[in-house]
Amino acid sequence: IFINSHENSVPYILNISVKGIRSEILLHFLEEK
């Protein structure tokens, strides 16, 4: 898991990546929960 947002960012948005899993697939996996 990688943090994409830089330090000079607002605290209410955080961008991350989960290596090896496409965003769309992960999004729907989370939606099921």
PDB file of all heavy atoms in Angstrom:
ATOM      1  N   ILE A   1       0.855  -1.189   0.000  1.00  0.00           N
ATOM      2  CA  ILE A   1       0.000   0.000   0.000  1.00  0.00           C
ATOM      3  C   ILE A   1       0.890   1.238   0.000  1.00  0.00           C
ATOM      4  O   ILE A   1       1.807   1.362   0.807  1.00  0.00           O
ATOM      5  CB  ILE A   1      -0.961   0.019   1.201  1.00  0.00           C
ATOM      6  CG1 ILE A   1      -1.969  -1.133   1.071  1.00  0.00           C
ATOM      7  CG2 ILE A   1      -1.699   1.352   1.278  1.00  0.00           C
ATOM      8  CD1 ILE A   1      -3.021  -1.163   2.168  1.00  0.00           C
ATOM      9  N   PHE A   2       0.610   2.160  -0.922  1.00  0.00           N
ATOM     10  CA  PHE A   2       1.430   3.356  -1.098  1.00  0.00           C
ATOM     11  C   PHE A   2       0.574   4.603  -0.899  1.00  0.00           C
ATOM     12  O   PHE A   2      -0.566   4.667  -1.360  1.00  0.00           O
ATOM     13  CB  PHE A   2       2.063   3.374  -2.492  1.00  0.00           C
ATOM     14  CG  PHE A   2       3.010   2.231  -2.749  1.00  0.00           C
ATOM     15  CD1 PHE A   2       2.506   0.991  -3.138  1.00  0.00           C
ATOM     16  CD2 PHE A   2       4.372   2.384  -2.578  1.00  0.00           C
ATOM     17  CE1 PHE A   2       3.362  -0.083  -3.378  1.00  0.00           C
ATOM     18  CE2 PHE A   2       5.234   1.318  -2.813  1.00  0.00           C
ATOM     19  CZ  PHE A   2       4.738   0.090  -3.214  1.00  0.00           C
ATOM     20  N   ILE A   3       1.141   5.597  -0.230  1.00  0.00           N
ATOM     21  CA  ILE A   3       0.469   6.880  -0.030  1.00  0.00           C
ATOM     22  C   ILE A   3       0.858   7.796  -1.179  1.00  0.00           C
ATOM     23  O   ILE A   3       2.034   8.122  -1.363  1.00  0.00           O
ATOM     24  CB  ILE A   3       0.863   7.529   1.314  1.00  0.00           C
ATOM     25  CG1 ILE A   3       0.631   6.553   2.484  1.00  0.00           C
ATOM     26  CG2 ILE A   3       0.082   8.826   1.520  1.00  0.00           C
ATOM     27  CD1 ILE A   3      -0.803   6.149   2.698  1.00  0.00           C
ATOM     28  N   ASN A   4      -0.116   8.221  -1.966  1.00  0.00           N
ATOM     29  CA  ASN A   4       0.153   9.081  -3.123  1.00  0.00           C
ATOM     30  C   ASN A   4       0.093  10.566  -2.806  1.00  0.00           C
ATOM     31  O   ASN A   4       0.734  11.369  -3.482  1.00  0.00           O
ATOM     32  CB  ASN A   4      -0.843   8.769  -4.248  1.00  0.00           C
ATOM     33  CG  ASN A   4      -0.708   7.348  -4.767  1.00  0.00           C
ATOM     34  OD1 ASN A   4       0.379   6.795  -4.812  1.00  0.00           O
ATOM     35  ND2 ASN A   4      -1.827   6.748  -5.165  1.00  0.00           N
ATOM     36  N   SER A   5      -0.683  10.952  -1.809  1.00  0.00           N
ATOM     37  CA  SER A   5      -0.807  12.370  -1.462  1.00  0.00           C
ATOM     38  C   SER A   5       0.478  12.877  -0.821  1.00  0.00           C
ATOM     39  O   SER A   5       1.086  12.196   0.002  1.00  0.00           O
ATOM     40  CB  SER A   5      -1.986  12.580  -0.504  1.00  0.00           C
ATOM     41  OG  SER A   5      -3.214  12.280  -1.133  1.00  0.00           O
ATOM     42  N   HIS A   6       0.875  14.084  -1.219  1.00  0.00           N
ATOM     43  CA  HIS A   6       2.073  14.694  -0.668  1.00  0.00           C
ATOM     44  C   HIS A   6       1.783  15.307   0.704  1.00  0.00           C
ATOM     45  O   HIS A   6       0.632  15.465   1.118  1.00  0.00           O
ATOM     46  CB  HIS A   6       2.596  15.770  -1.620  1.00  0.00           C
ATOM     47  CG  HIS A   6       3.013  15.238  -2.957  1.00  0.00           C
ATOM     48  ND1 HIS A   6       4.182  14.557  -3.154  1.00  0.00           N
ATOM     49  CD2 HIS A   6       2.396  15.284  -4.172  1.00  0.00           C
ATOM     50  CE1 HIS A   6       4.291  14.207  -4.429  1.00  0.00           C
ATOM     51  NE2 HIS A   6       3.210  14.628  -5.062  1.00  0.00           N
ATOM     52  N   GLU A   7       2.849  15.674   1.405  1.00  0.00           N
ATOM     53  CA  GLU A   7       2.698  16.295   2.721  1.00  0.00           C
ATOM     54  C   GLU A   7       1.946  17.616   2.623  1.00  0.00           C
ATOM     55  O   GLU A   7       1.158  17.966   3.494  1.00  0.00           O
ATOM     56  CB  GLU A   7       4.080  16.533   3.356  1.00  0.00           C
ATOM     57  CG  GLU A   7       4.726  15.266   3.898  1.00  0.00           C
ATOM     58  CD  GLU A   7       3.913  14.644   5.030  1.00  0.00           C
ATOM     59  OE1 GLU A   7       3.423  15.397   5.882  1.00  0.00           O
ATOM     60  OE2 GLU A   7       3.750  13.416   5.028  1.00  0.00           O
ATOM     61  N   ASN A   8       2.219  18.368   1.540  1.00  0.00           N
ATOM     62  CA  ASN A   8       1.563  19.665   1.364  1.00  0.00           C
ATOM     63  C   ASN A   8       0.175  19.469   0.769  1.00  0.00           C
ATOM     64  O   ASN A   8      -0.117  19.878  -0.350  1.00  0.00           O
ATOM     65  CB  ASN A   8       2.411  20.564   0.454  1.00  0.00           C
ATOM     66  CG  ASN A   8       1.818  21.957   0.322  1.00  0.00           C
ATOM     67  OD1 ASN A   8       1.186  22.474   1.245  1.00  0.00           O
ATOM     68  ND2 ASN A   8       1.991  22.572  -0.840  1.00  0.00           N
ATOM     69  N   SER A   9      -0.679  18.819   1.546  1.00  0.00           N
ATOM     70  CA  SER A   9      -2.041  18.513   1.094  1.00  0.00           C
ATOM     71  C   SER A   9      -3.025  18.797   2.217  1.00  0.00           C
ATOM     72  O   SER A   9      -2.652  18.826   3.398  1.00  0.00           O
ATOM     73  CB  SER A   9      -2.162  17.035   0.676  1.00  0.00           C
ATOM     74  OG  SER A   9      -1.267  16.710  -0.358  1.00  0.00           O
ATOM     75  N   VAL A  10      -4.284  18.991   1.839  1.00  0.00           N
ATOM     76  CA  VAL A  10      -5.317  19.158   2.862  1.00  0.00           C
ATOM     77  C   VAL A  10      -5.540  17.817   3.555  1.00  0.00           C
ATOM     78  O   VAL A  10      -5.355  16.756   2.941  1.00  0.00           O
ATOM     79  CB  VAL A  10      -6.629  19.668   2.233  1.00  0.00           C
ATOM     80  CG1 VAL A  10      -6.483  21.095   1.751  1.00  0.00           C
ATOM     81  CG2 VAL A  10      -7.093  18.750   1.115  1.00  0.00           C
ATOM     82  N   PRO A  11      -5.954  17.825   4.815  1.00  0.00           N
ATOM     83  CA  PRO A  11      -6.078  16.572   5.554  1.00  0.00           C
ATOM     84  C   PRO A  11      -7.337  15.767   5.261  1.00  0.00           C
ATOM     85  O   PRO A  11      -7.468  14.648   5.753  1.00  0.00           O
ATOM     86  CB  PRO A  11      -6.076  17.042   7.020  1.00  0.00           C
ATOM     87  CG  PRO A  11      -6.633  18.418   6.973  1.00  0.00           C
ATOM     88  CD  PRO A  11      -6.139  19.004   5.677  1.00  0.00           C
ATOM     89  N   TYR A  12      -8.248  16.304   4.475  1.00  0.00           N
ATOM     90  CA  TYR A  12      -9.517  15.599   4.257  1.00  0.00           C
ATOM     91  C   TYR A  12      -9.551  14.816   2.951  1.00  0.00           C
ATOM     92  O   TYR A  12     -10.567  14.217   2.620  1.00  0.00           O
ATOM     93  CB  TYR A  12     -10.694  16.566   4.329  1.00  0.00           C
ATOM     94  CG  TYR A  12     -10.494  17.877   3.604  1.00  0.00           C
ATOM     95  CD1 TYR A  12     -10.754  17.996   2.243  1.00  0.00           C
ATOM     96  CD2 TYR A  12     -10.032  18.990   4.283  1.00  0.00           C
ATOM     97  CE1 TYR A  12     -10.553  19.180   1.589  1.00  0.00           C
ATOM     98  CE2 TYR A  12      -9.828  20.193   3.628  1.00  0.00           C
ATOM     99  CZ  TYR A  12     -10.099  20.285   2.284  1.00  0.00           C
ATOM    100  OH  TYR A  12      -9.883  21.475   1.626  1.00  0.00           O
ATOM    101  N   ILE A  13      -8.437  14.824   2.195  1.00  0.00           N
ATOM    102  CA  ILE A  13      -8.327  13.991   0.997  1.00  0.00           C
ATOM    103  C   ILE A  13      -7.027  13.205   1.079  1.00  0.00           C
ATOM    104  O   ILE A  13      -5.959  13.781   1.303  1.00  0.00           O
ATOM    105  CB  ILE A  13      -8.340  14.834  -0.291  1.00  0.00           C
ATOM    106  CG1 ILE A  13      -9.676  15.562  -0.458  1.00  0.00           C
ATOM    107  CG2 ILE A  13      -8.082  13.941  -1.514  1.00  0.00           C
ATOM    108  CD1 ILE A  13      -9.740  16.466  -1.689  1.00  0.00           C
ATOM    109  N   LEU A  14      -7.117  11.890   0.916  1.00  0.00           N
ATOM    110  CA  LEU A  14      -5.933  11.033   0.963  1.00  0.00           C
ATOM    111  C   LEU A  14      -6.000  10.066  -0.213  1.00  0.00           C
ATOM    112  O   LEU A  14      -6.946   9.293  -0.343  1.00  0.00           O
ATOM    113  CB  LEU A  14      -5.882  10.258   2.279  1.00  0.00           C
ATOM    114  CG  LEU A  14      -4.653   9.368   2.491  1.00  0.00           C
ATOM    115  CD1 LEU A  14      -3.376  10.200   2.556  1.00  0.00           C
ATOM    116  CD2 LEU A  14      -4.807   8.532   3.759  1.00  0.00           C
ATOM    117  N   ASN A  15      -4.983  10.121  -1.075  1.00  0.00           N
ATOM    118  CA  ASN A  15      -4.927   9.245  -2.232  1.00  0.00           C
ATOM    119  C   ASN A  15      -3.914   8.136  -1.974  1.00  0.00           C
ATOM    120  O   ASN A  15      -2.787   8.403  -1.566  1.00  0.00           O
ATOM    121  CB  ASN A  15      -4.526  10.036  -3.478  1.00  0.00           C
ATOM    122  CG  ASN A  15      -4.827   9.289  -4.764  1.00  0.00           C
ATOM    123  OD1 ASN A  15      -4.223   8.263  -5.063  1.00  0.00           O
ATOM    124  ND2 ASN A  15      -5.781   9.810  -5.537  1.00  0.00           N
ATOM    125  N   ILE A  16      -4.323   6.886  -2.193  1.00  0.00           N
ATOM    126  CA  ILE A  16      -3.452   5.735  -1.949  1.00  0.00           C
ATOM    127  C   ILE A  16      -3.508   4.790  -3.142  1.00  0.00           C
ATOM    128  O   ILE A  16      -4.381   4.914  -4.002  1.00  0.00           O
ATOM    129  CB  ILE A  16      -3.855   4.967  -0.677  1.00  0.00           C
ATOM    130  CG1 ILE A  16      -5.203   4.260  -0.892  1.00  0.00           C
ATOM    131  CG2 ILE A  16      -3.904   5.886   0.541  1.00  0.00           C
ATOM    132  CD1 ILE A  16      -5.569   3.265   0.199  1.00  0.00           C
ATOM    133  N   SER A  17      -2.576   3.858  -3.206  1.00  0.00           N
ATOM    134  CA  SER A  17      -2.620   2.781  -4.197  1.00  0.00           C
ATOM    135  C   SER A  17      -2.395   1.450  -3.502  1.00  0.00           C
ATOM    136  O   SER A  17      -1.563   1.347  -2.589  1.00  0.00           O
ATOM    137  CB  SER A  17      -1.546   2.979  -5.273  1.00  0.00           C
ATOM    138  OG  SER A  17      -1.900   4.024  -6.154  1.00  0.00           O
ATOM    139  N   VAL A  18      -3.148   0.456  -3.917  1.00  0.00           N
ATOM    140  CA  VAL A  18      -2.973  -0.910  -3.436  1.00  0.00           C
ATOM    141  C   VAL A  18      -2.384  -1.697  -4.599  1.00  0.00           C
ATOM    142  O   VAL A  18      -3.099  -2.098  -5.520  1.00  0.00           O
ATOM    143  CB  VAL A  18      -4.311  -1.525  -2.972  1.00  0.00           C
ATOM    144  CG1 VAL A  18      -4.071  -2.926  -2.398  1.00  0.00           C
ATOM    145  CG2 VAL A  18      -4.974  -0.631  -1.929  1.00  0.00           C
ATOM    146  N   LYS A  19      -1.094  -1.869  -4.573  1.00  0.00           N
ATOM    147  CA  LYS A  19      -0.368  -2.445  -5.709  1.00  0.00           C
ATOM    148  C   LYS A  19      -0.895  -3.839  -6.058  1.00  0.00           C
ATOM    149  O   LYS A  19      -1.105  -4.680  -5.193  1.00  0.00           O
ATOM    150  CB  LYS A  19       1.127  -2.524  -5.388  1.00  0.00           C
ATOM    151  CG  LYS A  19       2.001  -2.878  -6.584  1.00  0.00           C
ATOM    152  CD  LYS A  19       3.467  -2.807  -6.228  1.00  0.00           C
ATOM    153  CE  LYS A  19       4.340  -3.129  -7.433  1.00  0.00           C
ATOM    154  NZ  LYS A  19       5.783  -3.052  -7.086  1.00  0.00           N
ATOM    155  N   GLY A  20      -1.134  -4.045  -7.366  1.00  0.00           N
ATOM    156  CA  GLY A  20      -1.550  -5.356  -7.831  1.00  0.00           C
ATOM    157  C   GLY A  20      -3.049  -5.553  -7.933  1.00  0.00           C
ATOM    158  O   GLY A  20      -3.511  -6.605  -8.382  1.00  0.00           O
ATOM    159  N   ILE A  21      -3.837  -4.541  -7.517  1.00  0.00           N
ATOM    160  CA  ILE A  21      -5.298  -4.638  -7.613  1.00  0.00           C
ATOM    161  C   ILE A  21      -5.822  -3.400  -8.324  1.00  0.00           C
ATOM    162  O   ILE A  21      -5.597  -2.277  -7.864  1.00  0.00           O
ATOM    163  CB  ILE A  21      -5.963  -4.752  -6.226  1.00  0.00           C
ATOM    164  CG1 ILE A  21      -5.325  -5.855  -5.384  1.00  0.00           C
ATOM    165  CG2 ILE A  21      -7.464  -5.003  -6.373  1.00  0.00           C
ATOM    166  CD1 ILE A  21      -5.865  -5.944  -3.982  1.00  0.00           C
ATOM    167  N   ARG A  22      -6.533  -3.587  -9.421  1.00  0.00           N
ATOM    168  CA  ARG A  22      -7.071  -2.461 -10.167  1.00  0.00           C
ATOM    169  C   ARG A  22      -8.115  -1.719  -9.331  1.00  0.00           C
ATOM    170  O   ARG A  22      -8.887  -2.316  -8.592  1.00  0.00           O
ATOM    171  CB  ARG A  22      -7.684  -2.928 -11.485  1.00  0.00           C
ATOM    172  CG  ARG A  22      -6.650  -3.370 -12.519  1.00  0.00           C
ATOM    173  CD  ARG A  22      -7.295  -3.789 -13.816  1.00  0.00           C
ATOM    174  NE  ARG A  22      -8.107  -2.731 -14.376  1.00  0.00           N
ATOM    175  CZ  ARG A  22      -9.401  -2.854 -14.672  1.00  0.00           C
ATOM    176  NH1 ARG A  22     -10.025  -3.999 -14.433  1.00  0.00           N
ATOM    177  NH2 ARG A  22     -10.072  -1.852 -15.192  1.00  0.00           N
ATOM    178  N   SER A  23      -8.131  -0.405  -9.488  1.00  0.00           N
ATOM    179  CA  SER A  23      -9.008   0.457  -8.698  1.00  0.00           C
ATOM    180  C   SER A  23     -10.464   0.029  -8.763  1.00  0.00           C
ATOM    181  O   SER A  23     -11.152  -0.055  -7.736  1.00  0.00           O
ATOM    182  CB  SER A  23      -8.881   1.908  -9.179  1.00  0.00           C
ATOM    183  OG  SER A  23      -7.560   2.351  -9.140  1.00  0.00           O
ATOM    184  N   GLU A  24     -10.945  -0.232  -9.982  1.00  0.00           N
ATOM    185  CA  GLU A  24     -12.361  -0.559 -10.161  1.00  0.00           C
ATOM    186  C   GLU A  24     -12.730  -1.841  -9.428  1.00  0.00           C
ATOM    187  O   GLU A  24     -13.789  -1.930  -8.792  1.00  0.00           O
ATOM    188  CB  GLU A  24     -12.674  -0.686 -11.650  1.00  0.00           C
ATOM    189  CG  GLU A  24     -14.151  -0.924 -11.932  1.00  0.00           C
ATOM    190  CD  GLU A  24     -14.456  -0.994 -13.413  1.00  0.00           C
ATOM    191  OE1 GLU A  24     -13.534  -0.752 -14.230  1.00  0.00           O
ATOM    192  OE2 GLU A  24     -15.608  -1.298 -13.761  1.00  0.00           O
ATOM    193  N   ILE A  25     -11.852  -2.830  -9.475  1.00  0.00           N
ATOM    194  CA  ILE A  25     -12.116  -4.100  -8.796  1.00  0.00           C
ATOM    195  C   ILE A  25     -12.150  -3.890  -7.285  1.00  0.00           C
ATOM    196  O   ILE A  25     -13.037  -4.397  -6.587  1.00  0.00           O
ATOM    197  CB  ILE A  25     -11.043  -5.142  -9.175  1.00  0.00           C
ATOM    198  CG1 ILE A  25     -11.161  -5.499 -10.655  1.00  0.00           C
ATOM    199  CG2 ILE A  25     -11.172  -6.397  -8.313  1.00  0.00           C
ATOM    200  CD1 ILE A  25     -10.049  -6.372 -11.175  1.00  0.00           C
ATOM    201  N   LEU A  26     -11.187  -3.133  -6.794  1.00  0.00           N
ATOM    202  CA  LEU A  26     -11.107  -2.879  -5.362  1.00  0.00           C
ATOM    203  C   LEU A  26     -12.289  -2.041  -4.885  1.00  0.00           C
ATOM    204  O   LEU A  26     -12.849  -2.290  -3.804  1.00  0.00           O
ATOM    205  CB  LEU A  26      -9.790  -2.172  -5.040  1.00  0.00           C
ATOM    206  CG  LEU A  26      -9.446  -1.956  -3.566  1.00  0.00           C
ATOM    207  CD1 LEU A  26      -9.569  -3.255  -2.775  1.00  0.00           C
ATOM    208  CD2 LEU A  26      -8.047  -1.377  -3.433  1.00  0.00           C
ATOM    209  N   LEU A  27     -12.683  -1.079  -5.702  1.00  0.00           N
ATOM    210  CA  LEU A  27     -13.816  -0.226  -5.347  1.00  0.00           C
ATOM    211  C   LEU A  27     -15.081  -1.053  -5.134  1.00  0.00           C
ATOM    212  O   LEU A  27     -15.813  -0.857  -4.153  1.00  0.00           O
ATOM    213  CB  LEU A  27     -14.012   0.818  -6.448  1.00  0.00           C
ATOM    214  CG  LEU A  27     -15.042   1.929  -6.213  1.00  0.00           C
ATOM    215  CD1 LEU A  27     -14.610   3.194  -6.961  1.00  0.00           C
ATOM    216  CD2 LEU A  27     -16.425   1.527  -6.697  1.00  0.00           C
ATOM    217  N   HIS A  28     -15.339  -2.001  -6.031  1.00  0.00           N
ATOM    218  CA  HIS A  28     -16.553  -2.817  -5.913  1.00  0.00           C
ATOM    219  C   HIS A  28     -16.433  -3.852  -4.791  1.00  0.00           C
ATOM    220  O   HIS A  28     -17.443  -4.225  -4.181  1.00  0.00           O
ATOM    221  CB  HIS A  28     -16.860  -3.488  -7.250  1.00  0.00           C
ATOM    222  CG  HIS A  28     -17.285  -2.519  -8.314  1.00  0.00           C
ATOM    223  ND1 HIS A  28     -18.364  -1.678  -8.163  1.00  0.00           N
ATOM    224  CD2 HIS A  28     -16.760  -2.242  -9.539  1.00  0.00           C
ATOM    225  CE1 HIS A  28     -18.513  -0.938  -9.239  1.00  0.00           C
ATOM    226  NE2 HIS A  28     -17.548  -1.248 -10.093  1.00  0.00           N
ATOM    227  N   PHE A  29     -15.222  -4.296  -4.519  1.00  0.00           N
ATOM    228  CA  PHE A  29     -15.007  -5.195  -3.374  1.00  0.00           C
ATOM    229  C   PHE A  29     -15.378  -4.473  -2.083  1.00  0.00           C
ATOM    230  O   PHE A  29     -16.070  -5.028  -1.207  1.00  0.00           O
ATOM    231  CB  PHE A  29     -13.543  -5.650  -3.329  1.00  0.00           C
ATOM    232  CG  PHE A  29     -13.202  -6.505  -2.145  1.00  0.00           C
ATOM    233  CD1 PHE A  29     -13.416  -7.885  -2.168  1.00  0.00           C
ATOM    234  CD2 PHE A  29     -12.668  -5.937  -0.991  1.00  0.00           C
ATOM    235  CE1 PHE A  29     -13.107  -8.670  -1.063  1.00  0.00           C
ATOM    236  CE2 PHE A  29     -12.356  -6.723   0.110  1.00  0.00           C
ATOM    237  CZ  PHE A  29     -12.577  -8.086   0.078  1.00  0.00           C
ATOM    238  N   LEU A  30     -14.958  -3.236  -1.960  1.00  0.00           N
ATOM    239  CA  LEU A  30     -15.271  -2.440  -0.767  1.00  0.00           C
ATOM    240  C   LEU A  30     -16.760  -2.118  -0.700  1.00  0.00           C
ATOM    241  O   LEU A  30     -17.359  -2.110   0.378  1.00  0.00           O
ATOM    242  CB  LEU A  30     -14.449  -1.148  -0.776  1.00  0.00           C
ATOM    243  CG  LEU A  30     -12.935  -1.313  -0.621  1.00  0.00           C
ATOM    244  CD1 LEU A  30     -12.222   0.014  -0.885  1.00  0.00           C
ATOM    245  CD2 LEU A  30     -12.592  -1.818   0.781  1.00  0.00           C
ATOM    246  N   GLU A  31     -17.355  -1.874  -1.874  1.00  0.00           N
ATOM    247  CA  GLU A  31     -18.780  -1.551  -1.915  1.00  0.00           C
ATOM    248  C   GLU A  31     -19.622  -2.691  -1.354  1.00  0.00           C
ATOM    249  O   GLU A  31     -20.651  -2.457  -0.702  1.00  0.00           O
ATOM    250  CB  GLU A  31     -19.188  -1.241  -3.353  1.00  0.00           C
ATOM    251  CG  GLU A  31     -20.644  -0.830  -3.512  1.00  0.00           C
ATOM    252  CD  GLU A  31     -21.022  -0.593  -4.956  1.00  0.00           C
ATOM    253  OE1 GLU A  31     -20.225  -0.960  -5.851  1.00  0.00           O
ATOM    254  OE2 GLU A  31     -22.123  -0.066  -5.194  1.00  0.00           O
ATOM    255  N   GLU A  32     -19.203  -3.925  -1.600  1.00  0.00           N
ATOM    256  CA  GLU A  32     -19.932  -5.073  -1.064  1.00  0.00           C
ATOM    257  C   GLU A  32     -19.938  -5.074   0.460  1.00  0.00           C
ATOM    258  O   GLU A  32     -20.822  -5.667   1.083  1.00  0.00           O
ATOM    259  CB  GLU A  32     -19.316  -6.363  -1.593  1.00  0.00           C
ATOM    260  CG  GLU A  32     -19.551  -6.598  -3.082  1.00  0.00           C
ATOM    261  CD  GLU A  32     -18.887  -7.860  -3.581  1.00  0.00           C
ATOM    262  OE1 GLU A  32     -18.201  -8.535  -2.770  1.00  0.00           O
ATOM    263  OE2 GLU A  32     -19.041  -8.189  -4.773  1.00  0.00           O
ATOM    264  N   LYS A  33     -18.953  -4.403   1.054  1.00  0.00           N
ATOM    265  CA  LYS A  33     -18.888  -4.285   2.508  1.00  0.00           C
ATOM    266  C   LYS A  33     -19.461  -2.953   2.989  1.00  0.00           C
ATOM    267  O   LYS A  33     -19.265  -2.559   4.137  1.00  0.00           O
ATOM    268  CB  LYS A  33     -17.426  -4.428   2.958  1.00  0.00           C
ATOM    269  CG  LYS A  33     -16.819  -5.787   2.626  1.00  0.00           C
ATOM    270  CD  LYS A  33     -15.374  -5.867   3.097  1.00  0.00           C
ATOM    271  CE  LYS A  33     -14.800  -7.240   2.826  1.00  0.00           C
ATOM    272  NZ  LYS A  33     -15.519  -8.322   3.585  1.00  0.00           N
TER     273      LYS A  33
END
